[in-house]
Amino acid sequence: MNELAIEEYCYLTTTGRVTGKPHEIEIWFARKGNMLYLLSGGGHKSDWVKNLTKNPNITVRIAERTFNATGRLVQQAEEESSARAMLADKYSERESDGSLSKWARTALVVAVDLKGN
């Protein structure tokens, strides 16, 4: 699965909290082991975050591979800081002084645990 970490996007599918229908988004990600980290620029207001909060069972597609997964909001400061740094580094989201960009600093951190890998 190491080769998947270099992909630019993953495709996250949640279940609509009102409709019950699949809702797919394209989103940046960083990978650490069997965990993916995502940042929601819309925070708790993003539909995909609301859907994931109501039903954490999701699927993730990276390149040609699809994974069943469980999503959660990151609560621990150390995990949050690490995730922000990984995403900032992967997508060049740092200021000229090396600090995180506004997006990398303020977006909501979501963890996705890939199952069966």
C-alpha atoms as a PDB file:
ATOM      1  CA  MET A   1       0.000   0.000   0.000  1.00  0.00           C
ATOM      2  CA  ASN A   2       3.046   2.308   0.145  1.00  0.00           C
ATOM      3  CA  GLU A   3       2.565   3.192  -3.512  1.00  0.00           C
ATOM      4  CA  LEU A   4      -0.892   4.565  -2.704  1.00  0.00           C
ATOM      5  CA  ALA A   5       0.505   7.220  -0.341  1.00  0.00           C
ATOM      6  CA  ILE A   6       1.911   9.163  -3.310  1.00  0.00           C
ATOM      7  CA  GLU A   7      -1.505   9.514  -4.955  1.00  0.00           C
ATOM      8  CA  GLU A   8      -2.759  13.093  -4.888  1.00  0.00           C
ATOM      9  CA  TYR A   9      -6.383  12.375  -3.995  1.00  0.00           C
ATOM     10  CA  CYS A  10      -8.572   9.801  -2.370  1.00  0.00           C
ATOM     11  CA  TYR A  11     -12.297   9.412  -2.900  1.00  0.00           C
ATOM     12  CA  LEU A  12     -14.263   9.216   0.324  1.00  0.00           C
ATOM     13  CA  THR A  13     -17.811   7.847   0.274  1.00  0.00           C
ATOM     14  CA  THR A  14     -20.069   8.489   3.241  1.00  0.00           C
ATOM     15  CA  THR A  15     -23.739   7.641   3.677  1.00  0.00           C
ATOM     16  CA  GLY A  16     -26.024  10.666   3.509  1.00  0.00           C
ATOM     17  CA  ARG A  17     -27.376  11.346   6.980  1.00  0.00           C
ATOM     18  CA  VAL A  18     -30.764  12.404   5.578  1.00  0.00           C
ATOM     19  CA  THR A  19     -31.050  10.570   2.253  1.00  0.00           C
ATOM     20  CA  GLY A  20     -29.169   7.376   3.101  1.00  0.00           C
ATOM     21  CA  LYS A  21     -27.558   7.608  -0.351  1.00  0.00           C
ATOM     22  CA  PRO A  22     -23.806   7.373  -1.027  1.00  0.00           C
ATOM     23  CA  HIS A  23     -22.017  10.733  -1.068  1.00  0.00           C
ATOM     24  CA  GLU A  24     -18.540  10.756  -2.672  1.00  0.00           C
ATOM     25  CA  ILE A  25     -15.963  13.516  -2.445  1.00  0.00           C
ATOM     26  CA  GLU A  26     -12.451  13.930  -3.820  1.00  0.00           C
ATOM     27  CA  ILE A  27     -10.075  15.023  -1.077  1.00  0.00           C
ATOM     28  CA  TRP A  28      -6.408  15.377  -0.202  1.00  0.00           C
ATOM     29  CA  PHE A  29      -5.034  12.838   2.255  1.00  0.00           C
ATOM     30  CA  ALA A  30      -1.925  11.766   4.109  1.00  0.00           C
ATOM     31  CA  ARG A  31      -1.222   8.164   5.085  1.00  0.00           C
ATOM     32  CA  LYS A  32       0.441   6.708   8.167  1.00  0.00           C
ATOM     33  CA  GLY A  33       0.218   2.921   8.329  1.00  0.00           C
ATOM     34  CA  ASN A  34      -3.410   1.887   7.893  1.00  0.00           C
ATOM     35  CA  MET A  35      -4.607   5.367   8.862  1.00  0.00           C
ATOM     36  CA  LEU A  36      -5.460   8.201   6.507  1.00  0.00           C
ATOM     37  CA  TYR A  37      -5.743  11.781   7.651  1.00  0.00           C
ATOM     38  CA  LEU A  38      -7.974  14.372   5.992  1.00  0.00           C
ATOM     39  CA  LEU A  39      -8.580  18.048   6.657  1.00  0.00           C
ATOM     40  CA  SER A  40     -12.026  19.602   6.356  1.00  0.00           C
ATOM     41  CA  GLY A  41     -11.722  23.264   5.445  1.00  0.00           C
ATOM     42  CA  GLY A  42     -15.441  23.608   6.164  1.00  0.00           C
ATOM     43  CA  GLY A  43     -14.969  22.106   9.601  1.00  0.00           C
ATOM     44  CA  HIS A  44     -18.034  20.559  11.217  1.00  0.00           C
ATOM     45  CA  LYS A  45     -20.256  22.247   8.597  1.00  0.00           C
ATOM     46  CA  SER A  46     -19.054  20.040   5.703  1.00  0.00           C
ATOM     47  CA  ASP A  47     -21.655  17.509   4.602  1.00  0.00           C
ATOM     48  CA  TRP A  48     -19.119  14.696   4.520  1.00  0.00           C
ATOM     49  CA  VAL A  49     -18.094  15.426   8.128  1.00  0.00           C
ATOM     50  CA  LYS A  50     -21.739  15.502   9.245  1.00  0.00           C
ATOM     51  CA  ASN A  51     -22.359  12.216   7.425  1.00  0.00           C
ATOM     52  CA  LEU A  52     -19.248  10.568   8.879  1.00  0.00           C
ATOM     53  CA  THR A  53     -20.172  11.740  12.374  1.00  0.00           C
ATOM     54  CA  LYS A  54     -23.615  10.151  12.086  1.00  0.00           C
ATOM     55  CA  ASN A  55     -22.356   6.936  10.443  1.00  0.00           C
ATOM     56  CA  PRO A  56     -18.584   6.352  10.667  1.00  0.00           C
ATOM     57  CA  ASN A  57     -18.662   3.348   8.286  1.00  0.00           C
ATOM     58  CA  ILE A  58     -17.278   4.650   5.007  1.00  0.00           C
ATOM     59  CA  THR A  59     -15.372   3.545   1.915  1.00  0.00           C
ATOM     60  CA  VAL A  60     -12.209   5.072   0.510  1.00  0.00           C
ATOM     61  CA  ARG A  61     -10.878   4.675  -3.016  1.00  0.00           C
ATOM     62  CA  ILE A  62      -7.239   5.390  -3.765  1.00  0.00           C
ATOM     63  CA  ALA A  63      -6.183   4.827  -7.367  1.00  0.00           C
ATOM     64  CA  GLU A  64      -7.831   1.496  -8.300  1.00  0.00           C
ATOM     65  CA  ARG A  65      -8.176   0.164  -4.732  1.00  0.00           C
ATOM     66  CA  THR A  66     -11.262   0.521  -2.555  1.00  0.00           C
ATOM     67  CA  PHE A  67     -11.188   0.035   1.218  1.00  0.00           C
ATOM     68  CA  ASN A  68     -13.856  -0.309   3.855  1.00  0.00           C
ATOM     69  CA  ALA A  69     -13.001   2.101   6.628  1.00  0.00           C
ATOM     70  CA  THR A  70     -14.118   3.812   9.804  1.00  0.00           C
ATOM     71  CA  GLY A  71     -13.874   7.561  10.200  1.00  0.00           C
ATOM     72  CA  ARG A  72     -13.574   9.679  13.322  1.00  0.00           C
ATOM     73  CA  LEU A  73     -12.778  13.216  14.365  1.00  0.00           C
ATOM     74  CA  VAL A  74      -9.289  13.468  15.829  1.00  0.00           C
ATOM     75  CA  GLN A  75      -9.403  14.454  19.503  1.00  0.00           C
ATOM     76  CA  GLN A  76      -5.823  13.972  20.741  1.00  0.00           C
ATOM     77  CA  ALA A  77      -3.488  16.953  20.357  1.00  0.00           C
ATOM     78  CA  GLU A  78      -0.420  14.898  19.401  1.00  0.00           C
ATOM     79  CA  GLU A  79      -2.265  12.987  16.667  1.00  0.00           C
ATOM     80  CA  GLU A  80      -3.825  16.219  15.399  1.00  0.00           C
ATOM     81  CA  SER A  81      -0.477  18.004  15.238  1.00  0.00           C
ATOM     82  CA  SER A  82       1.146  15.085  13.421  1.00  0.00           C
ATOM     83  CA  ALA A  83      -1.700  14.874  10.889  1.00  0.00           C
ATOM     84  CA  ARG A  84      -1.577  18.609  10.168  1.00  0.00           C
ATOM     85  CA  ALA A  85       2.176  18.437   9.567  1.00  0.00           C
ATOM     86  CA  MET A  86       1.872  15.395   7.262  1.00  0.00           C
ATOM     87  CA  LEU A  87      -0.765  17.081   5.104  1.00  0.00           C
ATOM     88  CA  ALA A  88       1.090  20.408   5.050  1.00  0.00           C
ATOM     89  CA  ASP A  89       4.275  18.670   3.938  1.00  0.00           C
ATOM     90  CA  LYS A  90       2.615  16.509   1.285  1.00  0.00           C
ATOM     91  CA  TYR A  91       0.739  19.422  -0.308  1.00  0.00           C
ATOM     92  CA  SER A  92       3.286  22.235   0.262  1.00  0.00           C
ATOM     93  CA  GLU A  93       0.964  24.030   2.656  1.00  0.00           C
ATOM     94  CA  ARG A  94       3.602  25.850   4.664  1.00  0.00           C
ATOM     95  CA  GLU A  95       4.404  29.544   4.859  1.00  0.00           C
ATOM     96  CA  SER A  96       7.870  30.858   3.890  1.00  0.00           C
ATOM     97  CA  ASP A  97       8.921  30.682   7.551  1.00  0.00           C
ATOM     98  CA  GLY A  98       7.992  26.975   7.728  1.00  0.00           C
ATOM     99  CA  SER A  99       4.813  27.471   9.733  1.00  0.00           C
ATOM    100  CA  LEU A 100       1.591  25.794   8.619  1.00  0.00           C
ATOM    101  CA  SER A 101      -0.673  27.557   6.140  1.00  0.00           C
ATOM    102  CA  LYS A 102      -4.013  28.817   7.452  1.00  0.00           C
ATOM    103  CA  TRP A 103      -5.763  25.759   5.981  1.00  0.00           C
ATOM    104  CA  ALA A 104      -3.319  23.315   7.574  1.00  0.00           C
ATOM    105  CA  ARG A 105      -3.555  25.173  10.909  1.00  0.00           C
ATOM    106  CA  THR A 106      -7.331  25.604  11.163  1.00  0.00           C
ATOM    107  CA  ALA A 107      -9.105  22.836   9.205  1.00  0.00           C
ATOM    108  CA  LEU A 108     -10.822  20.035  11.126  1.00  0.00           C
ATOM    109  CA  VAL A 109      -8.692  16.875  11.324  1.00  0.00           C
ATOM    110  CA  VAL A 110     -10.409  13.592  10.458  1.00  0.00           C
ATOM    111  CA  ALA A 111      -8.849  10.131  10.768  1.00  0.00           C
ATOM    112  CA  VAL A 112      -9.850   7.189   8.589  1.00  0.00           C
ATOM    113  CA  ASP A 113      -8.909   3.677   9.691  1.00  0.00           C
ATOM    114  CA  LEU A 114      -8.590   1.403   6.631  1.00  0.00           C
ATOM    115  CA  LYS A 115      -9.801  -2.127   7.345  1.00  0.00           C
ATOM    116  CA  GLY A 116      -8.500  -5.420   6.015  1.00  0.00           C
ATOM    117  CA  ASN A 117      -5.121  -4.229   4.807  1.00  0.00           C
END
